[in-house]
Each structure stands twice: as C-alpha cells, then as structure tokens.
C-alpha cells in the first residue's frame, strides 16, 4: 500500500514500520455495542470544539458548557504547539489578536497566555438549510453573537481539568513538528490515564508515528474522501466527513469494533442526509456537531 511505502521512506518514522508489522490493538471500551433496547436518548453526540455555539470554540467556557450538557458524550478540541513546545487549544494556527494576526506556532507560551485574541467566525448561511426555521435562525444568532468577542487561549494541561466524565477527542495539529509535538504530548500524559481519550488527526503518517511512540493511545484517523477510508486498517477509529459516509463501510467497521465519528453536522439537512445513508446504524456512530442541543432534538424527533 502507498501508506506503507510512505512510512518506509521517512527515516524519522522508522519505528512506525514495526507498529504496522505488529498490528494495532483495539480498545473495545471506546465503542461498546449498542443496546438493542436503546431509548430515544441513546444517540452519541460530540461537542465540536466544546459547546461552541454558546461560547467561543476551544475555550474554557465552551468546554465547561459541554461537560455540563447531558446530551454530550464526547468533547472535541484542537491542540496546537507553541514555539517553546507547550500545547494549547486552537483550531487555526493563524489567529487574530488586538494587535493583528499572529501564528500560535511562532509564539512563546508566555506571550500566548498574556495575549487577548479576537474571535471571528464565518457567517455563511449555507450551513443552514432552513434559515427561516426557528432553529436555523437560532444557529445564525449564536454565531453572530460571538463574532468580535475577545477570549483567552487555554493550555491543554489546564483544559484536562475541565472535561468531567465526558470522553475526550483531541484533534492533533502536528504541522511540521511531529517529533517535537509527539514528545510534548507524551510528557503531558506520562503519568495520566488516557483510556478516556481519542487522539485523532487527518495526517495518517504523523498519526502512525504518534501511535508508535504512544502504543497505548486510542487513535482515530480523520478522512475527507472515500479513498482515505482504507486508513482505518491502521487505527482504532475513523472520523468520516459527513458527505463521505457510506453505510456498508460503517457496518463493516463497527463489526471490527472500530469507533466511528461523523463530522461536522452543522444543519438539519446534514443530519438528514447522514441518517438516511446510515439507516438502522444511526445509533452506532458519534455525531460531531456545533449544536448538540439542536441536533440531539432532531435525532430524537426522527426516531
């Protein structure tokens, strides 16, 4: 496979080859079989970047809201590394501050913690199939309500104190520093229980290296096209973009005890298309969304 050849061609990832040869273990506790007597509340919901429609994404406030939300099973956050090797929550490297744009990867940790950032979110109404509908208007209202607000970036170390009893999805933003980045994650979690954490990335080579260095980590690959579905053979789970969801693949993956996440559900139309494709398997995936309250309500209604 091309993936294996790519790994062999990168010397720094040499230890990854042994991982592929020995196989990757599965953590069955992360994706328990669905109870045949499931109730209407048994859908799995992931709060995308925290409860990010009520608070600025990846912030302390968004995580706390998600941790207190009974509808939420997983909390997803994005992890980037500062210039001096400390891990922080931010989806984008390029961020807006009161003095202009800066890059997280080029800032020292002391500067990140002393800086006031400005939140800017796309108001693209195409996210909402029913913008005249009550919930559609509510979604847009929330986005506009947060735009322009200031916020502080929180470290991953501090964030780990806020998740409560929720499962955690850490989206690893490796950039070009996979070795240094992996070392920083290993150091942070050296003496911590990681059984409740899913480490995910859309970079299969970097994630394989990460897995080779943290063999006990539960790792999930993020894919944006059907060709990339093959990468699931190397990982414990897979995050599938909403427009790539395939029922047969999902059923086969679940039979192999893989964790399946679908991202990112941003409208009723998104949800309807995904659940129509999944059919009877709708309760066996995790729905990643910015709107846990609205999407949970729609899932129950459609049931």
C-alpha atoms as a PDB file:
ATOM      1  CA  UNK A   1       0.000   0.000   0.000  1.00  0.00           C
ATOM      2  CA  UNK A   2       1.109   3.561  -0.656  1.00  0.00           C
ATOM      3  CA  UNK A   3       0.800   4.348   3.023  1.00  0.00           C
ATOM      4  CA  UNK A   4       3.357   1.716   3.991  1.00  0.00           C
ATOM      5  CA  UNK A   5       5.781   2.878   1.292  1.00  0.00           C
ATOM      6  CA  UNK A   6       5.453   6.461   2.503  1.00  0.00           C
ATOM      7  CA  UNK A   7       6.292   5.459   6.048  1.00  0.00           C
ATOM      8  CA  UNK A   8       9.361   3.477   4.940  1.00  0.00           C
ATOM      9  CA  UNK A   9      10.632   6.475   3.011  1.00  0.00           C
ATOM     10  CA  UNK A  10      10.654   8.707   6.065  1.00  0.00           C
ATOM     11  CA  UNK A  11      13.586   7.823   8.296  1.00  0.00           C
ATOM     12  CA  UNK A  12      12.362   9.678  11.341  1.00  0.00           C
ATOM     13  CA  UNK A  13       9.275   7.498  11.297  1.00  0.00           C
ATOM     14  CA  UNK A  14      11.236   4.269  11.196  1.00  0.00           C
ATOM     15  CA  UNK A  15       9.704   2.969  14.380  1.00  0.00           C
ATOM     16  CA  UNK A  16       6.286   3.222  12.761  1.00  0.00           C
ATOM     17  CA  UNK A  17       7.086   0.267  10.498  1.00  0.00           C
ATOM     18  CA  UNK A  18       7.279  -2.045  13.472  1.00  0.00           C
ATOM     19  CA  UNK A  19       3.862  -0.808  14.531  1.00  0.00           C
ATOM     20  CA  UNK A  20       2.355  -1.733  11.187  1.00  0.00           C
ATOM     21  CA  UNK A  21       4.017  -5.131  11.236  1.00  0.00           C
ATOM     22  CA  UNK A  22       2.773  -5.983  14.701  1.00  0.00           C
ATOM     23  CA  UNK A  23      -0.752  -4.702  14.190  1.00  0.00           C
ATOM     24  CA  UNK A  24      -2.723  -2.184  16.168  1.00  0.00           C
ATOM     25  CA  UNK A  25      -4.779  -3.223  19.174  1.00  0.00           C
ATOM     26  CA  UNK A  26      -8.333  -2.076  19.605  1.00  0.00           C
ATOM     27  CA  UNK A  27      -9.820  -0.521  22.742  1.00  0.00           C
ATOM     28  CA  UNK A  28     -13.279  -2.005  22.757  1.00  0.00           C
ATOM     29  CA  UNK A  29     -14.425   0.135  25.656  1.00  0.00           C
ATOM     30  CA  UNK A  30     -14.458   3.213  23.391  1.00  0.00           C
ATOM     31  CA  UNK A  31     -17.157   1.791  21.115  1.00  0.00           C
ATOM     32  CA  UNK A  32     -19.418  -0.520  23.064  1.00  0.00           C
ATOM     33  CA  UNK A  33     -22.163  -2.368  21.123  1.00  0.00           C
ATOM     34  CA  UNK A  34     -25.460  -0.537  21.093  1.00  0.00           C
ATOM     35  CA  UNK A  35     -28.141  -1.933  23.392  1.00  0.00           C
ATOM     36  CA  UNK A  36     -30.973  -3.458  21.368  1.00  0.00           C
ATOM     37  CA  UNK A  37     -33.376  -1.858  23.840  1.00  0.00           C
ATOM     38  CA  UNK A  38     -31.871   1.590  23.349  1.00  0.00           C
ATOM     39  CA  UNK A  39     -34.027   4.521  24.372  1.00  0.00           C
ATOM     40  CA  UNK A  40     -34.575   7.751  22.482  1.00  0.00           C
ATOM     41  CA  UNK A  41     -31.632   9.328  24.325  1.00  0.00           C
ATOM     42  CA  UNK A  42     -29.053   6.756  23.225  1.00  0.00           C
ATOM     43  CA  UNK A  43     -27.556   8.711  20.332  1.00  0.00           C
ATOM     44  CA  UNK A  44     -23.894   9.618  20.749  1.00  0.00           C
ATOM     45  CA  UNK A  45     -23.170  13.341  20.443  1.00  0.00           C
ATOM     46  CA  UNK A  46     -19.762  15.008  20.205  1.00  0.00           C
ATOM     47  CA  UNK A  47     -19.488  18.707  21.050  1.00  0.00           C
ATOM     48  CA  UNK A  48     -17.317  20.202  18.303  1.00  0.00           C
ATOM     49  CA  UNK A  49     -14.627  22.382  19.895  1.00  0.00           C
ATOM     50  CA  UNK A  50     -16.669  22.337  23.082  1.00  0.00           C
ATOM     51  CA  UNK A  51     -20.212  23.682  23.170  1.00  0.00           C
ATOM     52  CA  UNK A  52     -19.066  26.144  20.535  1.00  0.00           C
ATOM     53  CA  UNK A  53     -22.355  27.760  19.597  1.00  0.00           C
ATOM     54  CA  UNK A  54     -22.839  29.155  23.110  1.00  0.00           C
ATOM     55  CA  UNK A  55     -19.195  30.035  23.836  1.00  0.00           C
ATOM     56  CA  UNK A  56     -16.121  30.691  21.726  1.00  0.00           C
ATOM     57  CA  UNK A  57     -14.688  27.426  20.409  1.00  0.00           C
ATOM     58  CA  UNK A  58     -11.846  25.665  22.233  1.00  0.00           C
ATOM     59  CA  UNK A  59     -12.127  27.953  25.259  1.00  0.00           C
ATOM     60  CA  UNK A  60     -12.550  27.137  28.927  1.00  0.00           C
ATOM     61  CA  UNK A  61     -16.150  28.347  28.756  1.00  0.00           C
ATOM     62  CA  UNK A  62     -17.022  26.095  25.780  1.00  0.00           C
ATOM     63  CA  UNK A  63     -15.527  23.021  27.461  1.00  0.00           C
ATOM     64  CA  UNK A  64     -17.304  23.648  30.759  1.00  0.00           C
ATOM     65  CA  UNK A  65     -20.663  24.098  28.990  1.00  0.00           C
ATOM     66  CA  UNK A  66     -20.157  20.837  27.098  1.00  0.00           C
ATOM     67  CA  UNK A  67     -19.088  18.995  30.252  1.00  0.00           C
ATOM     68  CA  UNK A  68     -22.347  20.085  31.934  1.00  0.00           C
ATOM     69  CA  UNK A  69     -24.540  19.173  28.948  1.00  0.00           C
ATOM     70  CA  UNK A  70     -26.319  15.850  29.457  1.00  0.00           C
ATOM     71  CA  UNK A  71     -26.755  15.484  25.683  1.00  0.00           C
ATOM     72  CA  UNK A  72     -22.973  15.413  25.128  1.00  0.00           C
ATOM     73  CA  UNK A  73     -20.942  12.180  25.224  1.00  0.00           C
ATOM     74  CA  UNK A  74     -17.667  13.390  23.676  1.00  0.00           C
ATOM     75  CA  UNK A  75     -15.936  16.767  23.747  1.00  0.00           C
ATOM     76  CA  UNK A  76     -13.656  17.531  20.790  1.00  0.00           C
ATOM     77  CA  UNK A  77     -10.894  20.153  20.945  1.00  0.00           C
ATOM     78  CA  UNK A  78      -7.964  21.104  18.703  1.00  0.00           C
ATOM     79  CA  UNK A  79      -4.395  21.014  20.003  1.00  0.00           C
ATOM     80  CA  UNK A  80      -1.506  23.123  18.683  1.00  0.00           C
ATOM     81  CA  UNK A  81       2.035  23.629  19.924  1.00  0.00           C
ATOM     82  CA  UNK A  82       3.728  26.918  20.796  1.00  0.00           C
ATOM     83  CA  UNK A  83       7.241  27.818  19.701  1.00  0.00           C
ATOM     84  CA  UNK A  84       8.615  26.649  23.036  1.00  0.00           C
ATOM     85  CA  UNK A  85       6.794  23.313  22.934  1.00  0.00           C
ATOM     86  CA  UNK A  86       3.710  23.868  25.096  1.00  0.00           C
ATOM     87  CA  UNK A  87       0.307  22.589  23.963  1.00  0.00           C
ATOM     88  CA  UNK A  88      -2.673  24.929  23.544  1.00  0.00           C
ATOM     89  CA  UNK A  89      -6.222  24.705  22.251  1.00  0.00           C
ATOM     90  CA  UNK A  90      -6.737  26.374  18.889  1.00  0.00           C
ATOM     91  CA  UNK A  91      -8.130  25.128  15.600  1.00  0.00           C
ATOM     92  CA  UNK A  92      -6.190  27.609  13.470  1.00  0.00           C
ATOM     93  CA  UNK A  93      -2.515  28.430  13.686  1.00  0.00           C
ATOM     94  CA  UNK A  94      -3.212  31.913  12.293  1.00  0.00           C
ATOM     95  CA  UNK A  95      -5.187  33.788  14.946  1.00  0.00           C
ATOM     96  CA  UNK A  96      -6.381  37.367  15.318  1.00  0.00           C
ATOM     97  CA  UNK A  97      -5.207  39.474  18.251  1.00  0.00           C
ATOM     98  CA  UNK A  98      -5.917  43.057  19.241  1.00  0.00           C
ATOM     99  CA  UNK A  99      -2.641  43.997  17.532  1.00  0.00           C
ATOM    100  CA  UNK A 100      -3.115  41.941  14.349  1.00  0.00           C
ATOM    101  CA  UNK A 101      -2.681  38.377  13.131  1.00  0.00           C
ATOM    102  CA  UNK A 102      -0.168  36.020  14.726  1.00  0.00           C
ATOM    103  CA  UNK A 103       0.674  32.331  14.492  1.00  0.00           C
ATOM    104  CA  UNK A 104       0.397  30.082  17.540  1.00  0.00           C
ATOM    105  CA  UNK A 105       3.398  28.071  16.331  1.00  0.00           C
ATOM    106  CA  UNK A 106       5.551  31.207  16.303  1.00  0.00           C
ATOM    107  CA  UNK A 107       4.523  32.487  19.737  1.00  0.00           C
ATOM    108  CA  UNK A 108       6.117  31.671  23.078  1.00  0.00           C
ATOM    109  CA  UNK A 109       3.822  30.224  25.723  1.00  0.00           C
ATOM    110  CA  UNK A 110       4.175  33.306  27.945  1.00  0.00           C
ATOM    111  CA  UNK A 111       3.020  35.509  25.062  1.00  0.00           C
ATOM    112  CA  UNK A 112       0.070  33.245  24.250  1.00  0.00           C
ATOM    113  CA  UNK A 113      -1.116  33.358  27.842  1.00  0.00           C
ATOM    114  CA  UNK A 114      -0.737  37.153  28.018  1.00  0.00           C
ATOM    115  CA  UNK A 115      -2.480  37.878  24.707  1.00  0.00           C
ATOM    116  CA  UNK A 116      -6.111  38.796  24.135  1.00  0.00           C
ATOM    117  CA  UNK A 117      -7.482  37.144  20.992  1.00  0.00           C
ATOM    118  CA  UNK A 118     -10.459  38.131  18.850  1.00  0.00           C
ATOM    119  CA  UNK A 119     -12.991  35.537  17.679  1.00  0.00           C
ATOM    120  CA  UNK A 120     -14.006  35.601  14.008  1.00  0.00           C
ATOM    121  CA  UNK A 121     -16.452  33.015  12.629  1.00  0.00           C
ATOM    122  CA  UNK A 122     -17.772  32.554   9.110  1.00  0.00           C
ATOM    123  CA  UNK A 123     -21.447  33.534   8.948  1.00  0.00           C
ATOM    124  CA  UNK A 124     -22.072  31.509   5.789  1.00  0.00           C
ATOM    125  CA  UNK A 125     -25.829  30.912   5.871  1.00  0.00           C
ATOM    126  CA  UNK A 126     -25.386  27.909   3.565  1.00  0.00           C
ATOM    127  CA  UNK A 127     -24.725  25.999   6.774  1.00  0.00           C
ATOM    128  CA  UNK A 128     -28.437  26.229   7.426  1.00  0.00           C
ATOM    129  CA  UNK A 129     -30.879  24.501   5.126  1.00  0.00           C
ATOM    130  CA  UNK A 130     -33.846  26.074   6.904  1.00  0.00           C
ATOM    131  CA  UNK A 131     -32.662  29.560   7.758  1.00  0.00           C
ATOM    132  CA  UNK A 132     -36.258  30.728   8.104  1.00  0.00           C
ATOM    133  CA  UNK A 133     -36.911  27.908  10.562  1.00  0.00           C
ATOM    134  CA  UNK A 134     -36.720  28.697  14.280  1.00  0.00           C
ATOM    135  CA  UNK A 135     -33.622  26.554  14.834  1.00  0.00           C
ATOM    136  CA  UNK A 136     -31.911  27.913  11.730  1.00  0.00           C
ATOM    137  CA  UNK A 137     -32.367  31.459  12.962  1.00  0.00           C
ATOM    138  CA  UNK A 138     -31.111  30.423  16.365  1.00  0.00           C
ATOM    139  CA  UNK A 139     -27.908  28.959  14.858  1.00  0.00           C
ATOM    140  CA  UNK A 140     -27.122  32.149  12.987  1.00  0.00           C
ATOM    141  CA  UNK A 141     -27.937  34.255  16.034  1.00  0.00           C
ATOM    142  CA  UNK A 142     -25.407  32.321  18.101  1.00  0.00           C
ATOM    143  CA  UNK A 143     -22.626  32.746  15.518  1.00  0.00           C
ATOM    144  CA  UNK A 144     -23.223  36.472  15.223  1.00  0.00           C
ATOM    145  CA  UNK A 145     -23.448  36.828  18.974  1.00  0.00           C
ATOM    146  CA  UNK A 146     -19.894  35.541  19.442  1.00  0.00           C
ATOM    147  CA  UNK A 147     -18.233  37.261  16.484  1.00  0.00           C
ATOM    148  CA  UNK A 148     -15.838  40.005  17.546  1.00  0.00           C
ATOM    149  CA  UNK A 149     -15.666  38.857  21.175  1.00  0.00           C
ATOM    150  CA  UNK A 150     -12.305  38.609  22.895  1.00  0.00           C
ATOM    151  CA  UNK A 151     -11.034  35.419  24.521  1.00  0.00           C
ATOM    152  CA  UNK A 152      -8.010  33.742  26.065  1.00  0.00           C
ATOM    153  CA  UNK A 153      -6.342  30.612  24.718  1.00  0.00           C
ATOM    154  CA  UNK A 154      -6.173  27.804  27.255  1.00  0.00           C
ATOM    155  CA  UNK A 155      -3.402  25.224  27.594  1.00  0.00           C
ATOM    156  CA  UNK A 156      -4.198  21.546  27.108  1.00  0.00           C
ATOM    157  CA  UNK A 157      -2.918  20.877  30.613  1.00  0.00           C
ATOM    158  CA  UNK A 158      -5.486  23.278  32.093  1.00  0.00           C
ATOM    159  CA  UNK A 159      -8.218  22.034  29.767  1.00  0.00           C
ATOM    160  CA  UNK A 160      -7.788  18.458  31.002  1.00  0.00           C
ATOM    161  CA  UNK A 161      -9.201  19.547  34.362  1.00  0.00           C
ATOM    162  CA  UNK A 162     -12.497  20.631  32.783  1.00  0.00           C
ATOM    163  CA  UNK A 163     -13.878  17.669  30.817  1.00  0.00           C
ATOM    164  CA  UNK A 164     -15.593  15.988  33.736  1.00  0.00           C
ATOM    165  CA  UNK A 165     -16.779  12.475  32.908  1.00  0.00           C
ATOM    166  CA  UNK A 166     -17.016  13.062  29.142  1.00  0.00           C
ATOM    167  CA  UNK A 167     -14.898  11.181  26.625  1.00  0.00           C
ATOM    168  CA  UNK A 168     -12.277  13.423  25.060  1.00  0.00           C
ATOM    169  CA  UNK A 169     -11.387  13.870  21.376  1.00  0.00           C
ATOM    170  CA  UNK A 170      -8.007  15.540  20.916  1.00  0.00           C
ATOM    171  CA  UNK A 171      -7.503  16.701  17.333  1.00  0.00           C
ATOM    172  CA  UNK A 172      -3.729  16.742  16.942  1.00  0.00           C
ATOM    173  CA  UNK A 173      -2.481  19.612  14.786  1.00  0.00           C
ATOM    174  CA  UNK A 174       1.021  18.274  14.078  1.00  0.00           C
ATOM    175  CA  UNK A 175       2.070  20.876  11.500  1.00  0.00           C
ATOM    176  CA  UNK A 176       5.744  20.218  10.611  1.00  0.00           C
ATOM    177  CA  UNK A 177       6.830  19.340  14.143  1.00  0.00           C
ATOM    178  CA  UNK A 178       5.559  15.782  14.576  1.00  0.00           C
ATOM    179  CA  UNK A 179       8.520  14.527  16.652  1.00  0.00           C
ATOM    180  CA  UNK A 180       8.635  17.534  18.979  1.00  0.00           C
ATOM    181  CA  UNK A 181       4.842  17.610  19.119  1.00  0.00           C
ATOM    182  CA  UNK A 182       4.589  13.919  19.994  1.00  0.00           C
ATOM    183  CA  UNK A 183       7.223  14.340  22.705  1.00  0.00           C
ATOM    184  CA  UNK A 184       5.178  17.181  24.213  1.00  0.00           C
ATOM    185  CA  UNK A 185       2.032  15.024  24.301  1.00  0.00           C
ATOM    186  CA  UNK A 186       3.941  12.065  25.790  1.00  0.00           C
ATOM    187  CA  UNK A 187       5.354  14.301  28.504  1.00  0.00           C
ATOM    188  CA  UNK A 188       1.939  15.743  29.375  1.00  0.00           C
ATOM    189  CA  UNK A 189       0.264  12.330  29.640  1.00  0.00           C
ATOM    190  CA  UNK A 190       3.196  10.394  31.073  1.00  0.00           C
ATOM    191  CA  UNK A 191       1.533   9.707  34.415  1.00  0.00           C
ATOM    192  CA  UNK A 192      -2.113  10.122  33.371  1.00  0.00           C
ATOM    193  CA  UNK A 193      -4.844   7.689  32.485  1.00  0.00           C
ATOM    194  CA  UNK A 194      -5.566   8.067  28.758  1.00  0.00           C
ATOM    195  CA  UNK A 195      -8.236   5.372  28.471  1.00  0.00           C
ATOM    196  CA  UNK A 196     -10.938   8.034  28.063  1.00  0.00           C
ATOM    197  CA  UNK A 197      -9.123   9.902  25.284  1.00  0.00           C
ATOM    198  CA  UNK A 198      -9.254   9.545  21.490  1.00  0.00           C
ATOM    199  CA  UNK A 199      -6.239  11.031  19.715  1.00  0.00           C
ATOM    200  CA  UNK A 200      -7.213  11.962  16.162  1.00  0.00           C
ATOM    201  CA  UNK A 201      -5.641  13.570  13.098  1.00  0.00           C
ATOM    202  CA  UNK A 202      -6.145  13.873   9.353  1.00  0.00           C
ATOM    203  CA  UNK A 203      -2.427  13.164   8.802  1.00  0.00           C
ATOM    204  CA  UNK A 204      -2.009   9.334   8.636  1.00  0.00           C
ATOM    205  CA  UNK A 205       1.802   9.351   8.545  1.00  0.00           C
ATOM    206  CA  UNK A 206       2.135  11.612  11.581  1.00  0.00           C
ATOM    207  CA  UNK A 207      -0.576   9.708  13.431  1.00  0.00           C
ATOM    208  CA  UNK A 208       1.211   6.406  12.781  1.00  0.00           C
ATOM    209  CA  UNK A 209       4.400   7.871  14.194  1.00  0.00           C
ATOM    210  CA  UNK A 210       2.463   9.176  17.195  1.00  0.00           C
ATOM    211  CA  UNK A 211       0.939   5.716  17.688  1.00  0.00           C
ATOM    212  CA  UNK A 212       4.385   4.107  17.560  1.00  0.00           C
ATOM    213  CA  UNK A 213       5.545   6.387  20.365  1.00  0.00           C
ATOM    214  CA  UNK A 214       2.340   6.047  22.408  1.00  0.00           C
ATOM    215  CA  UNK A 215       1.249   2.449  21.712  1.00  0.00           C
ATOM    216  CA  UNK A 216      -1.460   2.550  24.397  1.00  0.00           C
ATOM    217  CA  UNK A 217      -3.140   5.573  22.802  1.00  0.00           C
ATOM    218  CA  UNK A 218      -6.519   5.089  21.109  1.00  0.00           C
ATOM    219  CA  UNK A 219      -6.039   6.711  17.687  1.00  0.00           C
ATOM    220  CA  UNK A 220      -8.623   7.722  15.089  1.00  0.00           C
ATOM    221  CA  UNK A 221      -7.929   8.894  11.543  1.00  0.00           C
ATOM    222  CA  UNK A 222      -9.941  11.741  10.024  1.00  0.00           C
ATOM    223  CA  UNK A 223     -10.854  11.298   6.340  1.00  0.00           C
ATOM    224  CA  UNK A 224     -12.280  13.657   3.763  1.00  0.00           C
ATOM    225  CA  UNK A 225     -12.764  11.265   0.817  1.00  0.00           C
ATOM    226  CA  UNK A 226     -13.699   7.628   0.222  1.00  0.00           C
ATOM    227  CA  UNK A 227     -10.211   6.724  -0.972  1.00  0.00           C
ATOM    228  CA  UNK A 228      -8.899   7.517   2.503  1.00  0.00           C
ATOM    229  CA  UNK A 229     -11.320   5.117   4.209  1.00  0.00           C
ATOM    230  CA  UNK A 230      -8.640   2.425   3.766  1.00  0.00           C
ATOM    231  CA  UNK A 231      -6.570   4.029   6.522  1.00  0.00           C
ATOM    232  CA  UNK A 232      -8.907   2.602   9.136  1.00  0.00           C
ATOM    233  CA  UNK A 233      -6.956  -0.676   8.891  1.00  0.00           C
ATOM    234  CA  UNK A 234      -4.154   1.030  10.841  1.00  0.00           C
ATOM    235  CA  UNK A 235      -6.172   2.777  13.534  1.00  0.00           C
ATOM    236  CA  UNK A 236      -8.710   2.172  16.290  1.00  0.00           C
ATOM    237  CA  UNK A 237     -11.335   4.507  14.875  1.00  0.00           C
ATOM    238  CA  UNK A 238     -12.204   6.778  11.997  1.00  0.00           C
ATOM    239  CA  UNK A 239     -13.757  10.218  11.716  1.00  0.00           C
ATOM    240  CA  UNK A 240     -15.672  10.475   8.439  1.00  0.00           C
ATOM    241  CA  UNK A 241     -16.685  13.738   6.861  1.00  0.00           C
ATOM    242  CA  UNK A 242     -20.474  13.922   6.590  1.00  0.00           C
ATOM    243  CA  UNK A 243     -20.557  13.746   2.782  1.00  0.00           C
ATOM    244  CA  UNK A 244     -18.310  10.653   2.680  1.00  0.00           C
ATOM    245  CA  UNK A 245     -20.431   8.457   4.961  1.00  0.00           C
ATOM    246  CA  UNK A 246     -21.023   5.027   3.437  1.00  0.00           C
ATOM    247  CA  UNK A 247     -23.388   2.553   5.122  1.00  0.00           C
ATOM    248  CA  UNK A 248     -21.577  -0.618   4.072  1.00  0.00           C
ATOM    249  CA  UNK A 249     -18.228   0.721   5.226  1.00  0.00           C
ATOM    250  CA  UNK A 250     -19.674   1.839   8.560  1.00  0.00           C
ATOM    251  CA  UNK A 251     -21.272  -1.559   9.208  1.00  0.00           C
ATOM    252  CA  UNK A 252     -18.026  -3.375   8.379  1.00  0.00           C
ATOM    253  CA  UNK A 253     -16.019  -1.029  10.591  1.00  0.00           C
ATOM    254  CA  UNK A 254     -18.415  -1.450  13.509  1.00  0.00           C
ATOM    255  CA  UNK A 255     -18.200  -5.231  13.124  1.00  0.00           C
ATOM    256  CA  UNK A 256     -14.446  -4.818  13.575  1.00  0.00           C
ATOM    257  CA  UNK A 257     -15.132  -2.909  16.801  1.00  0.00           C
ATOM    258  CA  UNK A 258     -13.947   0.410  15.387  1.00  0.00           C
ATOM    259  CA  UNK A 259     -15.079   3.774  16.695  1.00  0.00           C
ATOM    260  CA  UNK A 260     -16.988   5.748  14.033  1.00  0.00           C
ATOM    261  CA  UNK A 261     -17.368   9.514  14.196  1.00  0.00           C
ATOM    262  CA  UNK A 262     -19.169  11.679  11.634  1.00  0.00           C
ATOM    263  CA  UNK A 263     -18.145  15.336  11.311  1.00  0.00           C
ATOM    264  CA  UNK A 264     -19.227  18.094  11.293  1.00  0.00           C
ATOM    265  CA  UNK A 265     -23.034  18.206  11.439  1.00  0.00           C
ATOM    266  CA  UNK A 266     -23.984  21.870  11.016  1.00  0.00           C
ATOM    267  CA  UNK A 267     -27.590  21.728   9.826  1.00  0.00           C
ATOM    268  CA  UNK A 268     -30.722  19.619   9.798  1.00  0.00           C
ATOM    269  CA  UNK A 269     -30.002  18.853   6.159  1.00  0.00           C
ATOM    270  CA  UNK A 270     -26.574  17.460   7.097  1.00  0.00           C
ATOM    271  CA  UNK A 271     -28.189  15.273   9.717  1.00  0.00           C
ATOM    272  CA  UNK A 272     -30.956  14.035   7.448  1.00  0.00           C
ATOM    273  CA  UNK A 273     -28.509  13.025   4.704  1.00  0.00           C
ATOM    274  CA  UNK A 274     -26.253  11.162   7.127  1.00  0.00           C
ATOM    275  CA  UNK A 275     -29.033   9.314   8.962  1.00  0.00           C
ATOM    276  CA  UNK A 276     -30.702   8.383   5.670  1.00  0.00           C
ATOM    277  CA  UNK A 277     -27.450   6.821   4.478  1.00  0.00           C
ATOM    278  CA  UNK A 278     -26.820   5.025   7.767  1.00  0.00           C
ATOM    279  CA  UNK A 279     -30.288   3.512   8.008  1.00  0.00           C
ATOM    280  CA  UNK A 280     -30.546   1.182  11.001  1.00  0.00           C
ATOM    281  CA  UNK A 281     -26.963   2.017  12.005  1.00  0.00           C
ATOM    282  CA  UNK A 282     -27.803   5.579  13.053  1.00  0.00           C
ATOM    283  CA  UNK A 283     -27.258   4.813  16.745  1.00  0.00           C
ATOM    284  CA  UNK A 284     -23.814   3.313  16.239  1.00  0.00           C
ATOM    285  CA  UNK A 285     -21.838   6.428  15.312  1.00  0.00           C
ATOM    286  CA  UNK A 286     -20.845   9.607  17.129  1.00  0.00           C
ATOM    287  CA  UNK A 287     -22.330  12.790  15.645  1.00  0.00           C
ATOM    288  CA  UNK A 288     -19.868  15.677  15.910  1.00  0.00           C
ATOM    289  CA  UNK A 289     -21.704  18.999  15.905  1.00  0.00           C
ATOM    290  CA  UNK A 290     -21.506  22.651  16.924  1.00  0.00           C
ATOM    291  CA  UNK A 291     -25.135  22.402  18.074  1.00  0.00           C
ATOM    292  CA  UNK A 292     -25.536  19.420  20.446  1.00  0.00           C
ATOM    293  CA  UNK A 293     -28.874  20.682  21.758  1.00  0.00           C
ATOM    294  CA  UNK A 294     -30.481  21.156  18.346  1.00  0.00           C
ATOM    295  CA  UNK A 295     -29.066  18.016  16.726  1.00  0.00           C
ATOM    296  CA  UNK A 296     -29.930  15.850  19.708  1.00  0.00           C
ATOM    297  CA  UNK A 297     -33.502  17.111  19.486  1.00  0.00           C
ATOM    298  CA  UNK A 298     -33.625  16.312  15.767  1.00  0.00           C
ATOM    299  CA  UNK A 299     -32.256  12.788  16.308  1.00  0.00           C
ATOM    300  CA  UNK A 300     -34.925  12.086  18.909  1.00  0.00           C
ATOM    301  CA  UNK A 301     -37.623  13.543  16.685  1.00  0.00           C
ATOM    302  CA  UNK A 302     -36.550  11.445  13.691  1.00  0.00           C
ATOM    303  CA  UNK A 303     -36.507   8.320  15.866  1.00  0.00           C
END
